[in-house]
Amino acid sequence: MVEGQEVIAVFEDRVDAKPSYIMWLEWRDGQISFIRDYRYVRYVTADAELTLAPQAKPARDGGAAQRQPSRDL
């Protein structure tokens, strides 16, 4: 999370301590309604205090599991 917003943390190298950049998604009625990609404004990530969520477990119903931001993205 960054400033209370859930984001996707993108790590270009798994050994990096901080993500290379972040992507902010908003959902409405089960669909993505907004995407803000900070790939080319990396100072946003450099200045952000990021809290990583634990990795989500696979869904038991065979569907795609919802994932929280994690180092494996």
PDB file of N, CA and C in Angstrom:
ATOM      1  N   MET A   1       0.838  -1.175   0.000  1.00  0.00           N
ATOM      2  CA  MET A   1       0.000   0.000   0.000  1.00  0.00           C
ATOM      3  C   MET A   1       0.887   1.244   0.000  1.00  0.00           C
ATOM      4  N   VAL A   2       0.422   2.243  -0.672  1.00  0.00           N
ATOM      5  CA  VAL A   2       1.076   3.540  -0.685  1.00  0.00           C
ATOM      6  C   VAL A   2       0.015   4.570  -0.326  1.00  0.00           C
ATOM      7  N   GLU A   3       0.242   5.284   0.763  1.00  0.00           N
ATOM      8  CA  GLU A   3      -0.697   6.291   1.243  1.00  0.00           C
ATOM      9  C   GLU A   3      -2.121   5.754   1.328  1.00  0.00           C
ATOM     10  N   GLY A   4      -2.259   4.524   1.806  1.00  0.00           N
ATOM     11  CA  GLY A   4      -3.570   3.916   1.989  1.00  0.00           C
ATOM     12  C   GLY A   4      -4.195   3.334   0.738  1.00  0.00           C
ATOM     13  N   GLN A   5      -3.550   3.465  -0.393  1.00  0.00           N
ATOM     14  CA  GLN A   5      -4.068   2.924  -1.654  1.00  0.00           C
ATOM     15  C   GLN A   5      -3.354   1.614  -1.974  1.00  0.00           C
ATOM     16  N   GLU A   6      -4.126   0.604  -2.375  1.00  0.00           N
ATOM     17  CA  GLU A   6      -3.500  -0.638  -2.834  1.00  0.00           C
ATOM     18  C   GLU A   6      -2.883  -0.392  -4.200  1.00  0.00           C
ATOM     19  N   VAL A   7      -1.667  -0.872  -4.366  1.00  0.00           N
ATOM     20  CA  VAL A   7      -0.952  -0.722  -5.632  1.00  0.00           C
ATOM     21  C   VAL A   7      -0.290  -2.051  -5.978  1.00  0.00           C
ATOM     22  N   ILE A   8       0.112  -2.176  -7.218  1.00  0.00           N
ATOM     23  CA  ILE A   8       0.920  -3.316  -7.654  1.00  0.00           C
ATOM     24  C   ILE A   8       2.363  -2.840  -7.656  1.00  0.00           C
ATOM     25  N   ALA A   9       3.198  -3.522  -6.913  1.00  0.00           N
ATOM     26  CA  ALA A   9       4.623  -3.196  -6.860  1.00  0.00           C
ATOM     27  C   ALA A   9       5.333  -4.041  -7.911  1.00  0.00           C
ATOM     28  N   VAL A  10       6.031  -3.388  -8.831  1.00  0.00           N
ATOM     29  CA  VAL A  10       6.718  -4.080  -9.922  1.00  0.00           C
ATOM     30  C   VAL A  10       8.211  -4.097  -9.622  1.00  0.00           C
ATOM     31  N   PHE A  11       8.750  -5.303  -9.493  1.00  0.00           N
ATOM     32  CA  PHE A  11      10.181  -5.491  -9.247  1.00  0.00           C
ATOM     33  C   PHE A  11      10.827  -5.983 -10.533  1.00  0.00           C
ATOM     34  N   GLU A  12      11.750  -5.218 -11.084  1.00  0.00           N
ATOM     35  CA  GLU A  12      12.450  -5.656 -12.290  1.00  0.00           C
ATOM     36  C   GLU A  12      13.504  -6.706 -11.955  1.00  0.00           C
ATOM     37  N   ASP A  13      13.970  -6.710 -10.722  1.00  0.00           N
ATOM     38  CA  ASP A  13      14.932  -7.705 -10.256  1.00  0.00           C
ATOM     39  C   ASP A  13      14.483  -8.176  -8.879  1.00  0.00           C
ATOM     40  N   ARG A  14      14.326  -9.461  -8.690  1.00  0.00           N
ATOM     41  CA  ARG A  14      13.819 -10.025  -7.435  1.00  0.00           C
ATOM     42  C   ARG A  14      14.661  -9.693  -6.217  1.00  0.00           C
ATOM     43  N   VAL A  15      15.917  -9.365  -6.401  1.00  0.00           N
ATOM     44  CA  VAL A  15      16.784  -9.076  -5.258  1.00  0.00           C
ATOM     45  C   VAL A  15      16.703  -7.616  -4.806  1.00  0.00           C
ATOM     46  N   ASP A  16      16.016  -6.772  -5.572  1.00  0.00           N
ATOM     47  CA  ASP A  16      15.885  -5.363  -5.191  1.00  0.00           C
ATOM     48  C   ASP A  16      15.086  -5.232  -3.904  1.00  0.00           C
ATOM     49  N   ALA A  17      15.517  -4.308  -3.050  1.00  0.00           N
ATOM     50  CA  ALA A  17      14.827  -4.070  -1.774  1.00  0.00           C
ATOM     51  C   ALA A  17      13.520  -3.308  -1.976  1.00  0.00           C
ATOM     52  N   LYS A  18      13.487  -2.426  -2.958  1.00  0.00           N
ATOM     53  CA  LYS A  18      12.289  -1.645  -3.261  1.00  0.00           C
ATOM     54  C   LYS A  18      11.856  -1.930  -4.693  1.00  0.00           C
ATOM     55  N   PRO A  19      10.573  -1.764  -4.986  1.00  0.00           N
ATOM     56  CA  PRO A  19      10.120  -1.994  -6.363  1.00  0.00           C
ATOM     57  C   PRO A  19      10.690  -0.945  -7.317  1.00  0.00           C
ATOM     58  N   SER A  20      10.765  -1.309  -8.579  1.00  0.00           N
ATOM     59  CA  SER A  20      11.236  -0.388  -9.608  1.00  0.00           C
ATOM     60  C   SER A  20      10.199   0.703  -9.862  1.00  0.00           C
ATOM     61  N   TYR A  21       8.932   0.308  -9.851  1.00  0.00           N
ATOM     62  CA  TYR A  21       7.843   1.265 -10.007  1.00  0.00           C
ATOM     63  C   TYR A  21       6.556   0.627  -9.503  1.00  0.00           C
ATOM     64  N   ILE A  22       5.499   1.418  -9.480  1.00  0.00           N
ATOM     65  CA  ILE A  22       4.215   0.921  -9.007  1.00  0.00           C
ATOM     66  C   ILE A  22       3.129   1.209 -10.037  1.00  0.00           C
ATOM     67  N   MET A  23       2.057   0.455  -9.925  1.00  0.00           N
ATOM     68  CA  MET A  23       0.862   0.671 -10.731  1.00  0.00           C
ATOM     69  C   MET A  23      -0.322   0.744  -9.775  1.00  0.00           C
ATOM     70  N   TRP A  24      -1.160   1.742  -9.955  1.00  0.00           N
ATOM     71  CA  TRP A  24      -2.328   1.945  -9.110  1.00  0.00           C
ATOM     72  C   TRP A  24      -3.556   1.566  -9.909  1.00  0.00           C
ATOM     73  N   LEU A  25      -4.348   0.641  -9.372  1.00  0.00           N
ATOM     74  CA  LEU A  25      -5.570   0.189 -10.028  1.00  0.00           C
ATOM     75  C   LEU A  25      -6.768   0.504  -9.147  1.00  0.00           C
ATOM     76  N   GLU A  26      -7.872   0.852  -9.764  1.00  0.00           N
ATOM     77  CA  GLU A  26      -9.138   0.983  -9.049  1.00  0.00           C
ATOM     78  C   GLU A  26     -10.124   0.019  -9.684  1.00  0.00           C
ATOM     79  N   TRP A  27     -10.960  -0.554  -8.842  1.00  0.00           N
ATOM     80  CA  TRP A  27     -11.934  -1.549  -9.279  1.00  0.00           C
ATOM     81  C   TRP A  27     -13.342  -1.018  -9.069  1.00  0.00           C
ATOM     82  N   ARG A  28     -14.248  -1.336  -9.994  1.00  0.00           N
ATOM     83  CA  ARG A  28     -15.654  -1.011  -9.859  1.00  0.00           C
ATOM     84  C   ARG A  28     -16.455  -2.174 -10.446  1.00  0.00           C
ATOM     85  N   ASP A  29     -17.358  -2.713  -9.658  1.00  0.00           N
ATOM     86  CA  ASP A  29     -18.195  -3.842 -10.080  1.00  0.00           C
ATOM     87  C   ASP A  29     -17.368  -5.016 -10.596  1.00  0.00           C
ATOM     88  N   GLY A  30     -16.253  -5.301  -9.914  1.00  0.00           N
ATOM     89  CA  GLY A  30     -15.427  -6.454 -10.263  1.00  0.00           C
ATOM     90  C   GLY A  30     -14.552  -6.270 -11.486  1.00  0.00           C
ATOM     91  N   GLN A  31     -14.473  -5.047 -12.015  1.00  0.00           N
ATOM     92  CA  GLN A  31     -13.651  -4.789 -13.190  1.00  0.00           C
ATOM     93  C   GLN A  31     -12.728  -3.607 -12.915  1.00  0.00           C
ATOM     94  N   ILE A  32     -11.598  -3.608 -13.589  1.00  0.00           N
ATOM     95  CA  ILE A  32     -10.672  -2.487 -13.449  1.00  0.00           C
ATOM     96  C   ILE A  32     -11.305  -1.263 -14.104  1.00  0.00           C
ATOM     97  N   SER A  33     -11.403  -0.172 -13.342  1.00  0.00           N
ATOM     98  CA  SER A  33     -12.010   1.050 -13.870  1.00  0.00           C
ATOM     99  C   SER A  33     -10.985   2.176 -14.058  1.00  0.00           C
ATOM    100  N   PHE A  34      -9.786   1.996 -13.510  1.00  0.00           N
ATOM    101  CA  PHE A  34      -8.774   3.046 -13.576  1.00  0.00           C
ATOM    102  C   PHE A  34      -7.397   2.421 -13.439  1.00  0.00           C
ATOM    103  N   ILE A  35      -6.460   2.848 -14.269  1.00  0.00           N
ATOM    104  CA  ILE A  35      -5.067   2.391 -14.178  1.00  0.00           C
ATOM    105  C   ILE A  35      -4.165   3.620 -14.240  1.00  0.00           C
ATOM    106  N   ARG A  36      -3.246   3.717 -13.289  1.00  0.00           N
ATOM    107  CA  ARG A  36      -2.223   4.758 -13.332  1.00  0.00           C
ATOM    108  C   ARG A  36      -0.892   4.026 -13.219  1.00  0.00           C
ATOM    109  N   ASP A  37      -0.095   4.090 -14.264  1.00  0.00           N
ATOM    110  CA  ASP A  37       1.185   3.393 -14.333  1.00  0.00           C
ATOM    111  C   ASP A  37       2.305   4.409 -14.079  1.00  0.00           C
ATOM    112  N   TYR A  38       3.098   4.159 -13.046  1.00  0.00           N
ATOM    113  CA  TYR A  38       4.173   5.070 -12.665  1.00  0.00           C
ATOM    114  C   TYR A  38       5.534   4.608 -13.180  1.00  0.00           C
ATOM    115  N   ARG A  39       5.556   3.820 -14.240  1.00  0.00           N
ATOM    116  CA  ARG A  39       6.813   3.292 -14.761  1.00  0.00           C
ATOM    117  C   ARG A  39       7.804   4.390 -15.155  1.00  0.00           C
ATOM    118  N   TYR A  40       7.304   5.464 -15.721  1.00  0.00           N
ATOM    119  CA  TYR A  40       8.196   6.521 -16.211  1.00  0.00           C
ATOM    120  C   TYR A  40       8.289   7.725 -15.275  1.00  0.00           C
ATOM    121  N   VAL A  41       7.721   7.602 -14.101  1.00  0.00           N
ATOM    122  CA  VAL A  41       7.878   8.630 -13.065  1.00  0.00           C
ATOM    123  C   VAL A  41       8.327   7.927 -11.786  1.00  0.00           C
ATOM    124  N   ARG A  42       9.505   7.366 -11.851  1.00  0.00           N
ATOM    125  CA  ARG A  42      10.012   6.505 -10.778  1.00  0.00           C
ATOM    126  C   ARG A  42      10.312   7.246  -9.491  1.00  0.00           C
ATOM    127  N   TYR A  43      10.391   8.561  -9.544  1.00  0.00           N
ATOM    128  CA  TYR A  43      10.603   9.309  -8.296  1.00  0.00           C
ATOM    129  C   TYR A  43       9.430   9.110  -7.344  1.00  0.00           C
ATOM    130  N   VAL A  44       8.249   8.784  -7.878  1.00  0.00           N
ATOM    131  CA  VAL A  44       7.092   8.508  -7.025  1.00  0.00           C
ATOM    132  C   VAL A  44       7.393   7.302  -6.142  1.00  0.00           C
ATOM    133  N   THR A  45       7.950   6.252  -6.716  1.00  0.00           N
ATOM    134  CA  THR A  45       8.297   5.054  -5.958  1.00  0.00           C
ATOM    135  C   THR A  45       9.465   5.319  -5.023  1.00  0.00           C
ATOM    136  N   ALA A  46      10.428   6.097  -5.479  1.00  0.00           N
ATOM    137  CA  ALA A  46      11.604   6.383  -4.653  1.00  0.00           C
ATOM    138  C   ALA A  46      11.213   7.099  -3.365  1.00  0.00           C
ATOM    139  N   ASP A  47      10.214   7.970  -3.428  1.00  0.00           N
ATOM    140  CA  ASP A  47       9.793   8.743  -2.261  1.00  0.00           C
ATOM    141  C   ASP A  47       8.688   8.070  -1.448  1.00  0.00           C
ATOM    142  N   ALA A  48       8.110   6.998  -1.956  1.00  0.00           N
ATOM    143  CA  ALA A  48       6.963   6.356  -1.302  1.00  0.00           C
ATOM    144  C   ALA A  48       7.404   5.427  -0.173  1.00  0.00           C
ATOM    145  N   GLU A  49       6.566   5.346   0.851  1.00  0.00           N
ATOM    146  CA  GLU A  49       6.741   4.345   1.893  1.00  0.00           C
ATOM    147  C   GLU A  49       5.776   3.224   1.562  1.00  0.00           C
ATOM    148  N   LEU A  50       6.312   2.082   1.217  1.00  0.00           N
ATOM    149  CA  LEU A  50       5.531   0.968   0.698  1.00  0.00           C
ATOM    150  C   LEU A  50       5.386  -0.112   1.752  1.00  0.00           C
ATOM    151  N   THR A  51       4.183  -0.625   1.909  1.00  0.00           N
ATOM    152  CA  THR A  51       3.915  -1.753   2.795  1.00  0.00           C
ATOM    153  C   THR A  51       3.492  -2.926   1.927  1.00  0.00           C
ATOM    154  N   LEU A  52       4.288  -4.003   1.921  1.00  0.00           N
ATOM    155  CA  LEU A  52       3.967  -5.161   1.096  1.00  0.00           C
ATOM    156  C   LEU A  52       3.019  -6.098   1.832  1.00  0.00           C
ATOM    157  N   ALA A  53       2.019  -6.578   1.120  1.00  0.00           N
ATOM    158  CA  ALA A  53       1.063  -7.531   1.670  1.00  0.00           C
ATOM    159  C   ALA A  53       1.613  -8.940   1.472  1.00  0.00           C
ATOM    160  N   PRO A  54       1.209  -9.886   2.336  1.00  0.00           N
ATOM    161  CA  PRO A  54       1.641 -11.278   2.130  1.00  0.00           C
ATOM    162  C   PRO A  54       1.061 -11.820   0.838  1.00  0.00           C
ATOM    163  N   GLN A  55       1.725 -12.804   0.295  1.00  0.00           N
ATOM    164  CA  GLN A  55       1.278 -13.407  -0.948  1.00  0.00           C
ATOM    165  C   GLN A  55      -0.052 -14.115  -0.749  1.00  0.00           C
ATOM    166  N   ALA A  56      -0.958 -13.973  -1.712  1.00  0.00           N
ATOM    167  CA  ALA A  56      -2.269 -14.616  -1.640  1.00  0.00           C
ATOM    168  C   ALA A  56      -2.143 -16.102  -1.950  1.00  0.00           C
ATOM    169  N   LYS A  57      -3.025 -16.906  -1.357  1.00  0.00           N
ATOM    170  CA  LYS A  57      -3.059 -18.338  -1.636  1.00  0.00           C
ATOM    171  C   LYS A  57      -3.972 -18.583  -2.829  1.00  0.00           C
ATOM    172  N   PRO A  58      -3.718 -19.642  -3.623  1.00  0.00           N
ATOM    173  CA  PRO A  58      -4.569 -19.932  -4.780  1.00  0.00           C
ATOM    174  C   PRO A  58      -6.009 -20.183  -4.360  1.00  0.00           C
ATOM    175  N   ALA A  59      -6.941 -19.792  -5.237  1.00  0.00           N
ATOM    176  CA  ALA A  59      -8.367 -20.023  -4.977  1.00  0.00           C
ATOM    177  C   ALA A  59      -8.671 -21.508  -5.064  1.00  0.00           C
ATOM    178  N   ARG A  60      -9.565 -21.985  -4.224  1.00  0.00           N
ATOM    179  CA  ARG A  60      -9.920 -23.407  -4.224  1.00  0.00           C
ATOM    180  C   ARG A  60     -10.925 -23.759  -5.308  1.00  0.00           C
ATOM    181  N   ASP A  61     -11.596 -22.761  -5.873  1.00  0.00           N
ATOM    182  CA  ASP A  61     -12.629 -23.031  -6.864  1.00  0.00           C
ATOM    183  C   ASP A  61     -12.077 -23.201  -8.276  1.00  0.00           C
ATOM    184  N   GLY A  62     -10.767 -23.162  -8.421  1.00  0.00           N
ATOM    185  CA  GLY A  62     -10.151 -23.341  -9.731  1.00  0.00           C
ATOM    186  C   GLY A  62     -10.043 -22.052 -10.518  1.00  0.00           C
ATOM    187  N   GLY A  63     -10.665 -20.969 -10.021  1.00  0.00           N
ATOM    188  CA  GLY A  63     -10.590 -19.681 -10.693  1.00  0.00           C
ATOM    189  C   GLY A  63      -9.299 -18.978 -10.346  1.00  0.00           C
ATOM    190  N   ALA A  64      -9.098 -17.850 -10.949  1.00  0.00           N
ATOM    191  CA  ALA A  64      -7.892 -17.068 -10.665  1.00  0.00           C
ATOM    192  C   ALA A  64      -8.001 -16.451  -9.276  1.00  0.00           C
ATOM    193  N   ALA A  65      -6.958 -16.570  -8.502  1.00  0.00           N
ATOM    194  CA  ALA A  65      -6.935 -15.987  -7.156  1.00  0.00           C
ATOM    195  C   ALA A  65      -6.684 -14.495  -7.265  1.00  0.00           C
ATOM    196  N   GLN A  66      -7.341 -13.728  -6.406  1.00  0.00           N
ATOM    197  CA  GLN A  66      -7.020 -12.313  -6.341  1.00  0.00           C
ATOM    198  C   GLN A  66      -5.715 -12.193  -5.598  1.00  0.00           C
ATOM    199  N   ARG A  67      -4.811 -11.388  -6.107  1.00  0.00           N
ATOM    200  CA  ARG A  67      -3.496 -11.246  -5.502  1.00  0.00           C
ATOM    201  C   ARG A  67      -3.340  -9.860  -4.923  1.00  0.00           C
ATOM    202  N   GLN A  68      -2.686  -9.808  -3.816  1.00  0.00           N
ATOM    203  CA  GLN A  68      -2.294  -8.541  -3.229  1.00  0.00           C
ATOM    204  C   GLN A  68      -0.916  -8.208  -3.769  1.00  0.00           C
ATOM    205  N   PRO A  69      -0.517  -6.941  -3.724  1.00  0.00           N
ATOM    206  CA  PRO A  69       0.827  -6.599  -4.189  1.00  0.00           C
ATOM    207  C   PRO A  69       1.862  -7.432  -3.444  1.00  0.00           C
ATOM    208  N   SER A  70       2.806  -7.969  -4.181  1.00  0.00           N
ATOM    209  CA  SER A  70       3.842  -8.779  -3.568  1.00  0.00           C
ATOM    210  C   SER A  70       5.142  -8.629  -4.336  1.00  0.00           C
ATOM    211  N   ARG A  71       6.205  -9.141  -3.767  1.00  0.00           N
ATOM    212  CA  ARG A  71       7.513  -9.056  -4.414  1.00  0.00           C
ATOM    213  C   ARG A  71       7.602  -9.917  -5.663  1.00  0.00           C
ATOM    214  N   ASP A  72       6.664 -10.853  -5.861  1.00  0.00           N
ATOM    215  CA  ASP A  72       6.754 -11.769  -6.984  1.00  0.00           C
ATOM    216  C   ASP A  72       6.113 -11.234  -8.248  1.00  0.00           C
ATOM    217  N   LEU A  73       5.628 -10.013  -8.239  1.00  0.00           N
ATOM    218  CA  LEU A  73       4.997  -9.461  -9.433  1.00  0.00           C
ATOM    219  C   LEU A  73       6.002  -9.032 -10.441  1.00  0.00           C
TER     220      LEU A  73
END
